Amino acid sequence: MTIELIDYEQKARAAVRAFWSTRLMARQKQVESGKSDQGERAGVTAGKNMDGFVSLVSELVRANGLAHASIHLSRRLVTLPGFFRPTKLWDVVVINDGRLVAALEFKSHVGPSFGNNFNNRTEEAIGSAHDLWTAYREGAFGEQPRPFVGWLILIEDAEGSRRPIRDVSPHFPIFDEFRGASYADRYNILCRKLVQERLYSAASVLTSPRSAFEDGSYEELSELTGLGTFVTEFAGHIAAEGARNRL
């Protein structure tokens, strides 16, 4: 079984350019209108910042044997049942012949305050995956192979995301890997553990500076959590589903 990676690095750079350009244009537009949001909300409230990555995974689906699968992006159609709650909204849901093939989430984290949202992102990622897999175990999606569950985050490459952070745990020591770890490091540790604990089929963290609206530059922090591994695992899963169709 061969897989097609569709020159994903070039498409990822285009996605990163679009991410920063969308934020920049949204902030400029709101400033010009005199109705700008406070802080970074001007870029966030415009939405669709991660659409370039949505397009990337959509192309991977089409290129790897599921040309006729349904790739759902609209809010009404990306809702899946949960176990601990009635439903959960994902960013992309792929359905083929009534089977849940994939559910993916794309997040971003931009400064200056990185400490405010890291724990929220972590808890959300863990909770969403645990909820989905428990629902899967209990037959929410019928009898089918395990779907691909993916989580990707793009964080700003800035002094605040690279600076070592000191934690205080007065009663018991924290795990060694978190000692002095920056927020970028912590996201890398999170993604690694999400995969190792089988909460996600693949989890990726990318860092990128604001200047990347010009060239789309980004960096991966490790092979396991890099975009190459994410894309390869996803394409392989899609190709396997395509092969299953031909049986």
C-alpha atoms as a PDB file:
ATOM      1  CA  MET A   1       0.000   0.000   0.000  1.00  0.00           C
ATOM      2  CA  THR A   2       1.486   3.322  -1.076  1.00  0.00           C
ATOM      3  CA  ILE A   3       0.575   6.687   0.415  1.00  0.00           C
ATOM      4  CA  GLU A   4       0.576  10.127  -1.168  1.00  0.00           C
ATOM      5  CA  LEU A   5       1.910  13.040   0.882  1.00  0.00           C
ATOM      6  CA  ILE A   6       0.957  15.761  -1.678  1.00  0.00           C
ATOM      7  CA  ASP A   7       4.034  17.955  -1.067  1.00  0.00           C
ATOM      8  CA  TYR A   8       2.701  18.666   2.423  1.00  0.00           C
ATOM      9  CA  GLU A   9       5.625  20.890   3.477  1.00  0.00           C
ATOM     10  CA  GLN A  10       4.886  23.456   0.797  1.00  0.00           C
ATOM     11  CA  LYS A  11       1.176  23.371   1.640  1.00  0.00           C
ATOM     12  CA  ALA A  12       1.978  23.736   5.343  1.00  0.00           C
ATOM     13  CA  ARG A  13       4.031  26.845   4.647  1.00  0.00           C
ATOM     14  CA  ALA A  14       1.080  28.265   2.718  1.00  0.00           C
ATOM     15  CA  ALA A  15      -1.158  27.424   5.692  1.00  0.00           C
ATOM     16  CA  VAL A  16       1.200  29.215   8.087  1.00  0.00           C
ATOM     17  CA  ARG A  17       1.341  32.278   5.813  1.00  0.00           C
ATOM     18  CA  ALA A  18      -2.445  32.333   5.707  1.00  0.00           C
ATOM     19  CA  PHE A  19      -2.649  31.978   9.502  1.00  0.00           C
ATOM     20  CA  TRP A  20      -0.543  35.031  10.209  1.00  0.00           C
ATOM     21  CA  SER A  21      -1.918  37.052   7.285  1.00  0.00           C
ATOM     22  CA  THR A  22      -5.511  36.431   8.383  1.00  0.00           C
ATOM     23  CA  ARG A  23      -4.738  37.583  11.910  1.00  0.00           C
ATOM     24  CA  LEU A  24      -2.902  40.658  10.670  1.00  0.00           C
ATOM     25  CA  MET A  25      -5.659  41.695   8.260  1.00  0.00           C
ATOM     26  CA  ALA A  26      -8.351  41.137  10.896  1.00  0.00           C
ATOM     27  CA  ARG A  27      -6.560  43.358  13.393  1.00  0.00           C
ATOM     28  CA  GLN A  28      -5.960  46.079  10.806  1.00  0.00           C
ATOM     29  CA  LYS A  29      -9.602  45.996   9.707  1.00  0.00           C
ATOM     30  CA  GLN A  30     -10.902  46.307  13.242  1.00  0.00           C
ATOM     31  CA  VAL A  31      -8.502  49.126  14.070  1.00  0.00           C
ATOM     32  CA  GLU A  32      -9.611  51.016  10.964  1.00  0.00           C
ATOM     33  CA  SER A  33     -13.259  50.527  11.881  1.00  0.00           C
ATOM     34  CA  GLY A  34     -12.663  51.811  15.405  1.00  0.00           C
ATOM     35  CA  LYS A  35     -14.108  48.627  16.893  1.00  0.00           C
ATOM     36  CA  SER A  36     -10.943  46.686  17.628  1.00  0.00           C
ATOM     37  CA  ASP A  37     -11.014  43.946  20.275  1.00  0.00           C
ATOM     38  CA  GLN A  38      -8.673  44.042  23.191  1.00  0.00           C
ATOM     39  CA  GLY A  39      -5.239  42.423  22.855  1.00  0.00           C
ATOM     40  CA  GLU A  40      -5.016  39.375  20.639  1.00  0.00           C
ATOM     41  CA  ARG A  41      -8.786  38.883  20.323  1.00  0.00           C
ATOM     42  CA  ALA A  42      -8.833  40.993  17.159  1.00  0.00           C
ATOM     43  CA  GLY A  43      -7.013  38.229  15.313  1.00  0.00           C
ATOM     44  CA  VAL A  44      -8.838  35.377  17.006  1.00  0.00           C
ATOM     45  CA  THR A  45     -12.400  36.580  16.515  1.00  0.00           C
ATOM     46  CA  ALA A  46     -11.941  36.699  12.745  1.00  0.00           C
ATOM     47  CA  GLY A  47     -11.970  32.880  12.742  1.00  0.00           C
ATOM     48  CA  LYS A  48     -10.742  30.538  10.016  1.00  0.00           C
ATOM     49  CA  ASN A  49      -7.107  31.103  10.979  1.00  0.00           C
ATOM     50  CA  MET A  50      -6.288  27.404  10.611  1.00  0.00           C
ATOM     51  CA  ASP A  51      -8.171  26.820   7.363  1.00  0.00           C
ATOM     52  CA  GLY A  52      -4.939  26.128   5.501  1.00  0.00           C
ATOM     53  CA  PHE A  53      -4.358  23.023   7.633  1.00  0.00           C
ATOM     54  CA  VAL A  54      -7.968  21.966   7.109  1.00  0.00           C
ATOM     55  CA  SER A  55      -7.352  22.157   3.353  1.00  0.00           C
ATOM     56  CA  LEU A  56      -4.158  20.124   3.755  1.00  0.00           C
ATOM     57  CA  VAL A  57      -5.888  17.187   5.439  1.00  0.00           C
ATOM     58  CA  SER A  58      -8.793  17.407   2.997  1.00  0.00           C
ATOM     59  CA  GLU A  59      -6.357  16.999   0.101  1.00  0.00           C
ATOM     60  CA  LEU A  60      -4.735  14.047   1.841  1.00  0.00           C
ATOM     61  CA  VAL A  61      -8.119  12.331   2.048  1.00  0.00           C
ATOM     62  CA  ARG A  62      -8.748  12.791  -1.669  1.00  0.00           C
ATOM     63  CA  ALA A  63      -5.228  11.755  -2.659  1.00  0.00           C
ATOM     64  CA  ASN A  64      -5.149   8.521  -0.655  1.00  0.00           C
ATOM     65  CA  GLY A  65      -8.083   6.547  -1.954  1.00  0.00           C
ATOM     66  CA  LEU A  66     -11.169   8.210  -0.457  1.00  0.00           C
ATOM     67  CA  ALA A  67     -12.202  10.525  -3.268  1.00  0.00           C
ATOM     68  CA  HIS A  68     -15.867   9.993  -2.452  1.00  0.00           C
ATOM     69  CA  ALA A  69     -15.669  10.248   1.336  1.00  0.00           C
ATOM     70  CA  SER A  70     -17.593  13.052   3.038  1.00  0.00           C
ATOM     71  CA  ILE A  71     -15.289  15.673   4.554  1.00  0.00           C
ATOM     72  CA  HIS A  72     -17.406  17.694   6.943  1.00  0.00           C
ATOM     73  CA  LEU A  73     -16.346  21.192   7.974  1.00  0.00           C
ATOM     74  CA  SER A  74     -19.532  23.061   8.834  1.00  0.00           C
ATOM     75  CA  ARG A  75     -20.536  23.386  12.468  1.00  0.00           C
ATOM     76  CA  ARG A  76     -23.752  21.427  11.972  1.00  0.00           C
ATOM     77  CA  LEU A  77     -21.931  18.395  10.531  1.00  0.00           C
ATOM     78  CA  VAL A  78     -18.801  18.145  12.712  1.00  0.00           C
ATOM     79  CA  THR A  79     -20.772  17.208  15.823  1.00  0.00           C
ATOM     80  CA  LEU A  80     -20.059  13.732  17.205  1.00  0.00           C
ATOM     81  CA  PRO A  81     -21.658  11.961  20.172  1.00  0.00           C
ATOM     82  CA  GLY A  82     -19.784  11.825  23.441  1.00  0.00           C
ATOM     83  CA  PHE A  83     -19.993   9.605  26.494  1.00  0.00           C
ATOM     84  CA  PHE A  84     -19.589  12.091  29.336  1.00  0.00           C
ATOM     85  CA  ARG A  85     -21.498  14.799  27.437  1.00  0.00           C
ATOM     86  CA  PRO A  86     -24.095  14.577  24.671  1.00  0.00           C
ATOM     87  CA  THR A  87     -21.972  15.921  21.810  1.00  0.00           C
ATOM     88  CA  LYS A  88     -18.601  17.426  20.904  1.00  0.00           C
ATOM     89  CA  LEU A  89     -17.752  19.748  18.007  1.00  0.00           C
ATOM     90  CA  TRP A  90     -14.625  18.852  16.021  1.00  0.00           C
ATOM     91  CA  ASP A  91     -12.941  20.887  13.281  1.00  0.00           C
ATOM     92  CA  VAL A  92     -12.932  18.175  10.612  1.00  0.00           C
ATOM     93  CA  VAL A  93     -14.923  14.953  10.502  1.00  0.00           C
ATOM     94  CA  VAL A  94     -14.412  12.390   7.728  1.00  0.00           C
ATOM     95  CA  ILE A  95     -17.180   9.858   7.060  1.00  0.00           C
ATOM     96  CA  ASN A  96     -16.995   7.009   4.553  1.00  0.00           C
ATOM     97  CA  ASP A  97     -19.816   4.530   3.968  1.00  0.00           C
ATOM     98  CA  GLY A  98     -21.315   5.445   7.319  1.00  0.00           C
ATOM     99  CA  ARG A  99     -18.039   4.881   9.207  1.00  0.00           C
ATOM    100  CA  LEU A 100     -16.232   7.526  11.203  1.00  0.00           C
ATOM    101  CA  VAL A 101     -12.828   7.607   9.511  1.00  0.00           C
ATOM    102  CA  ALA A 102     -11.284  10.610  11.228  1.00  0.00           C
ATOM    103  CA  ALA A 103     -11.930  13.424  13.676  1.00  0.00           C
ATOM    104  CA  LEU A 104      -9.414  16.260  13.895  1.00  0.00           C
ATOM    105  CA  GLU A 105      -8.856  19.451  15.847  1.00  0.00           C
ATOM    106  CA  PHE A 106      -6.622  22.388  14.902  1.00  0.00           C
ATOM    107  CA  LYS A 107      -5.600  24.883  17.573  1.00  0.00           C
ATOM    108  CA  SER A 108      -3.329  27.903  17.853  1.00  0.00           C
ATOM    109  CA  HIS A 109      -1.708  29.740  20.745  1.00  0.00           C
ATOM    110  CA  VAL A 110      -0.359  33.242  20.274  1.00  0.00           C
ATOM    111  CA  GLY A 111       1.233  35.469  22.916  1.00  0.00           C
ATOM    112  CA  PRO A 112       1.959  37.606  24.759  1.00  0.00           C
ATOM    113  CA  SER A 113       0.379  35.676  27.631  1.00  0.00           C
ATOM    114  CA  PHE A 114       1.100  31.989  27.102  1.00  0.00           C
ATOM    115  CA  GLY A 115       0.399  30.943  30.672  1.00  0.00           C
ATOM    116  CA  ASN A 116      -3.296  31.794  30.572  1.00  0.00           C
ATOM    117  CA  ASN A 117      -4.392  29.132  28.106  1.00  0.00           C
ATOM    118  CA  PHE A 118      -1.897  26.274  28.242  1.00  0.00           C
ATOM    119  CA  ASN A 119      -3.696  24.324  30.975  1.00  0.00           C
ATOM    120  CA  ASN A 120      -7.058  24.918  29.296  1.00  0.00           C
ATOM    121  CA  ARG A 121      -5.718  23.597  25.988  1.00  0.00           C
ATOM    122  CA  THR A 122      -4.261  20.565  27.752  1.00  0.00           C
ATOM    123  CA  GLU A 123      -7.421  19.706  29.651  1.00  0.00           C
ATOM    124  CA  GLU A 124      -9.560  20.168  26.559  1.00  0.00           C
ATOM    125  CA  ALA A 125      -7.353  17.919  24.424  1.00  0.00           C
ATOM    126  CA  ILE A 126      -7.262  15.137  27.006  1.00  0.00           C
ATOM    127  CA  GLY A 127     -10.961  15.370  27.800  1.00  0.00           C
ATOM    128  CA  SER A 128     -12.100  15.391  24.182  1.00  0.00           C
ATOM    129  CA  ALA A 129     -10.087  12.305  23.311  1.00  0.00           C
ATOM    130  CA  HIS A 130     -11.105  10.369  26.417  1.00  0.00           C
ATOM    131  CA  ASP A 131     -14.750  11.226  25.760  1.00  0.00           C
ATOM    132  CA  LEU A 132     -14.563  10.083  22.131  1.00  0.00           C
ATOM    133  CA  TRP A 133     -12.789   6.797  22.837  1.00  0.00           C
ATOM    134  CA  THR A 134     -15.201   5.940  25.630  1.00  0.00           C
ATOM    135  CA  ALA A 135     -18.113   6.663  23.296  1.00  0.00           C
ATOM    136  CA  TYR A 136     -16.422   4.472  20.658  1.00  0.00           C
ATOM    137  CA  ARG A 137     -16.037   1.639  23.179  1.00  0.00           C
ATOM    138  CA  GLU A 138     -19.702   1.911  24.059  1.00  0.00           C
ATOM    139  CA  GLY A 139     -20.782   1.618  20.422  1.00  0.00           C
ATOM    140  CA  ALA A 140     -21.637   5.240  19.647  1.00  0.00           C
ATOM    141  CA  PHE A 141     -20.272   4.850  16.109  1.00  0.00           C
ATOM    142  CA  GLY A 142     -21.400   1.291  15.532  1.00  0.00           C
ATOM    143  CA  GLU A 143     -19.095  -1.652  14.946  1.00  0.00           C
ATOM    144  CA  GLN A 144     -16.142  -0.274  12.997  1.00  0.00           C
ATOM    145  CA  PRO A 145     -12.323  -0.007  13.034  1.00  0.00           C
ATOM    146  CA  ARG A 146     -10.765   2.650  15.263  1.00  0.00           C
ATOM    147  CA  PRO A 147     -10.965   6.089  13.654  1.00  0.00           C
ATOM    148  CA  PHE A 148      -8.005   8.409  13.282  1.00  0.00           C
ATOM    149  CA  VAL A 149      -8.122  11.095  15.971  1.00  0.00           C
ATOM    150  CA  GLY A 150      -5.732  13.980  15.400  1.00  0.00           C
ATOM    151  CA  TRP A 151      -4.718  17.145  17.277  1.00  0.00           C
ATOM    152  CA  LEU A 152      -2.446  19.862  15.885  1.00  0.00           C
ATOM    153  CA  ILE A 153      -1.440  23.171  17.416  1.00  0.00           C
ATOM    154  CA  LEU A 154       0.485  26.101  15.959  1.00  0.00           C
ATOM    155  CA  ILE A 155       2.138  28.300  18.604  1.00  0.00           C
ATOM    156  CA  GLU A 156       3.904  31.576  18.218  1.00  0.00           C
ATOM    157  CA  ASP A 157       7.677  31.360  18.272  1.00  0.00           C
ATOM    158  CA  ALA A 158       8.374  34.200  20.684  1.00  0.00           C
ATOM    159  CA  GLU A 159      10.376  34.960  23.800  1.00  0.00           C
ATOM    160  CA  GLY A 160       7.380  34.105  25.956  1.00  0.00           C
ATOM    161  CA  SER A 161       6.930  30.655  24.452  1.00  0.00           C
ATOM    162  CA  ARG A 162      10.650  29.820  24.626  1.00  0.00           C
ATOM    163  CA  ARG A 163      11.399  31.108  28.134  1.00  0.00           C
ATOM    164  CA  PRO A 164      11.913  28.420  30.833  1.00  0.00           C
ATOM    165  CA  ILE A 165       9.063  28.371  33.350  1.00  0.00           C
ATOM    166  CA  ARG A 166       9.384  27.646  37.043  1.00  0.00           C
ATOM    167  CA  ASP A 167       6.589  25.679  38.727  1.00  0.00           C
ATOM    168  CA  VAL A 168       5.796  25.349  42.419  1.00  0.00           C
ATOM    169  CA  SER A 169       4.371  22.080  43.767  1.00  0.00           C
ATOM    170  CA  PRO A 170       4.531  22.300  47.556  1.00  0.00           C
ATOM    171  CA  HIS A 171       3.475  18.756  48.427  1.00  0.00           C
ATOM    172  CA  PHE A 172       4.874  16.447  45.735  1.00  0.00           C
ATOM    173  CA  PRO A 173       7.545  16.887  43.055  1.00  0.00           C
ATOM    174  CA  ILE A 174       6.556  17.437  39.422  1.00  0.00           C
ATOM    175  CA  PHE A 175       7.867  15.098  36.750  1.00  0.00           C
ATOM    176  CA  ASP A 176      11.431  15.863  35.725  1.00  0.00           C
ATOM    177  CA  GLU A 177      10.604  16.642  32.080  1.00  0.00           C
ATOM    178  CA  PHE A 178       8.535  19.635  33.164  1.00  0.00           C
ATOM    179  CA  ARG A 179      11.273  21.254  35.255  1.00  0.00           C
ATOM    180  CA  GLY A 180      12.295  24.480  33.538  1.00  0.00           C
ATOM    181  CA  ALA A 181      10.347  23.559  30.421  1.00  0.00           C
ATOM    182  CA  SER A 182       9.122  26.441  28.272  1.00  0.00           C
ATOM    183  CA  TYR A 183       5.556  26.536  26.979  1.00  0.00           C
ATOM    184  CA  ALA A 184       6.802  25.305  23.613  1.00  0.00           C
ATOM    185  CA  ASP A 185       8.502  22.389  25.404  1.00  0.00           C
ATOM    186  CA  ARG A 186       5.325  21.688  27.363  1.00  0.00           C
ATOM    187  CA  TYR A 187       3.255  21.485  24.209  1.00  0.00           C
ATOM    188  CA  ASN A 188       5.819  19.092  22.787  1.00  0.00           C
ATOM    189  CA  ILE A 189       5.636  16.937  25.935  1.00  0.00           C
ATOM    190  CA  LEU A 190       1.839  17.068  25.791  1.00  0.00           C
ATOM    191  CA  CYS A 191       1.692  15.920  22.174  1.00  0.00           C
ATOM    192  CA  ARG A 192       4.183  13.123  22.820  1.00  0.00           C
ATOM    193  CA  LYS A 193       2.180  11.826  25.763  1.00  0.00           C
ATOM    194  CA  LEU A 194      -1.143  12.143  23.936  1.00  0.00           C
ATOM    195  CA  VAL A 195       0.211   9.740  21.321  1.00  0.00           C
ATOM    196  CA  GLN A 196       2.029   7.433  23.726  1.00  0.00           C
ATOM    197  CA  GLU A 197      -1.123   7.044  25.818  1.00  0.00           C
ATOM    198  CA  ARG A 198      -3.121   6.368  22.624  1.00  0.00           C
ATOM    199  CA  LEU A 199      -5.432   9.296  23.231  1.00  0.00           C
ATOM    200  CA  TYR A 200      -4.633  10.551  19.740  1.00  0.00           C
ATOM    201  CA  SER A 201      -3.517   8.731  16.631  1.00  0.00           C
ATOM    202  CA  ALA A 202      -1.158  11.641  15.982  1.00  0.00           C
ATOM    203  CA  ALA A 203      -0.537  14.962  17.724  1.00  0.00           C
ATOM    204  CA  SER A 204       1.653  17.717  16.372  1.00  0.00           C
ATOM    205  CA  VAL A 205       3.042  21.037  17.607  1.00  0.00           C
ATOM    206  CA  LEU A 206       4.553  23.607  15.257  1.00  0.00           C
ATOM    207  CA  THR A 207       6.193  26.900  16.186  1.00  0.00           C
ATOM    208  CA  SER A 208       6.196  29.923  13.921  1.00  0.00           C
ATOM    209  CA  PRO A 209       7.128  33.620  14.321  1.00  0.00           C
ATOM    210  CA  ARG A 210       4.756  36.434  13.387  1.00  0.00           C
ATOM    211  CA  SER A 211       7.067  37.365  10.537  1.00  0.00           C
ATOM    212  CA  ALA A 212       6.059  34.096   8.858  1.00  0.00           C
ATOM    213  CA  PHE A 213       3.218  35.911   7.089  1.00  0.00           C
ATOM    214  CA  GLU A 214       5.964  36.576   4.539  1.00  0.00           C
ATOM    215  CA  ASP A 215       7.486  33.116   4.065  1.00  0.00           C
ATOM    216  CA  GLY A 216       5.348  30.619   5.990  1.00  0.00           C
ATOM    217  CA  SER A 217       8.288  29.426   8.064  1.00  0.00           C
ATOM    218  CA  TYR A 218       7.671  26.994  10.895  1.00  0.00           C
ATOM    219  CA  GLU A 219       9.648  24.541  13.012  1.00  0.00           C
ATOM    220  CA  GLU A 220       8.976  21.090  14.408  1.00  0.00           C
ATOM    221  CA  LEU A 221      10.129  20.245  17.934  1.00  0.00           C
ATOM    222  CA  SER A 222      10.603  16.491  17.564  1.00  0.00           C
ATOM    223  CA  GLU A 223      10.095  13.734  15.032  1.00  0.00           C
ATOM    224  CA  LEU A 224       7.213  12.160  16.960  1.00  0.00           C
ATOM    225  CA  THR A 225       5.317  15.440  17.243  1.00  0.00           C
ATOM    226  CA  GLY A 226       6.334  16.851  13.875  1.00  0.00           C
ATOM    227  CA  LEU A 227       4.025  17.529  10.966  1.00  0.00           C
ATOM    228  CA  GLY A 228       5.733  14.846   8.881  1.00  0.00           C
ATOM    229  CA  THR A 229       4.701  12.131  11.317  1.00  0.00           C
ATOM    230  CA  PHE A 230       1.178  13.562  11.613  1.00  0.00           C
ATOM    231  CA  VAL A 231       0.707  13.665   7.845  1.00  0.00           C
ATOM    232  CA  THR A 232       2.219  10.215   7.277  1.00  0.00           C
ATOM    233  CA  GLU A 233       0.067   8.586   9.960  1.00  0.00           C
ATOM    234  CA  PHE A 234      -3.061  10.293   8.648  1.00  0.00           C
ATOM    235  CA  ALA A 235      -2.367   9.433   5.004  1.00  0.00           C
ATOM    236  CA  GLY A 236      -1.668   5.818   5.964  1.00  0.00           C
ATOM    237  CA  HIS A 237      -4.949   5.584   7.854  1.00  0.00           C
ATOM    238  CA  ILE A 238      -6.861   7.026   4.901  1.00  0.00           C
ATOM    239  CA  ALA A 239      -5.124   4.644   2.483  1.00  0.00           C
ATOM    240  CA  ALA A 240      -6.038   1.695   4.706  1.00  0.00           C
ATOM    241  CA  GLU A 241      -9.682   2.766   4.671  1.00  0.00           C
ATOM    242  CA  GLY A 242      -9.490   3.089   0.893  1.00  0.00           C
ATOM    243  CA  ALA A 243      -8.059  -0.425   0.615  1.00  0.00           C
ATOM    244  CA  ARG A 244     -10.846  -1.701   2.872  1.00  0.00           C
ATOM    245  CA  ASN A 245     -13.360  -0.290   0.393  1.00  0.00           C
ATOM    246  CA  ARG A 246     -11.877  -2.410  -2.367  1.00  0.00           C
ATOM    247  CA  LEU A 247     -12.126  -5.710  -0.490  1.00  0.00           C
END
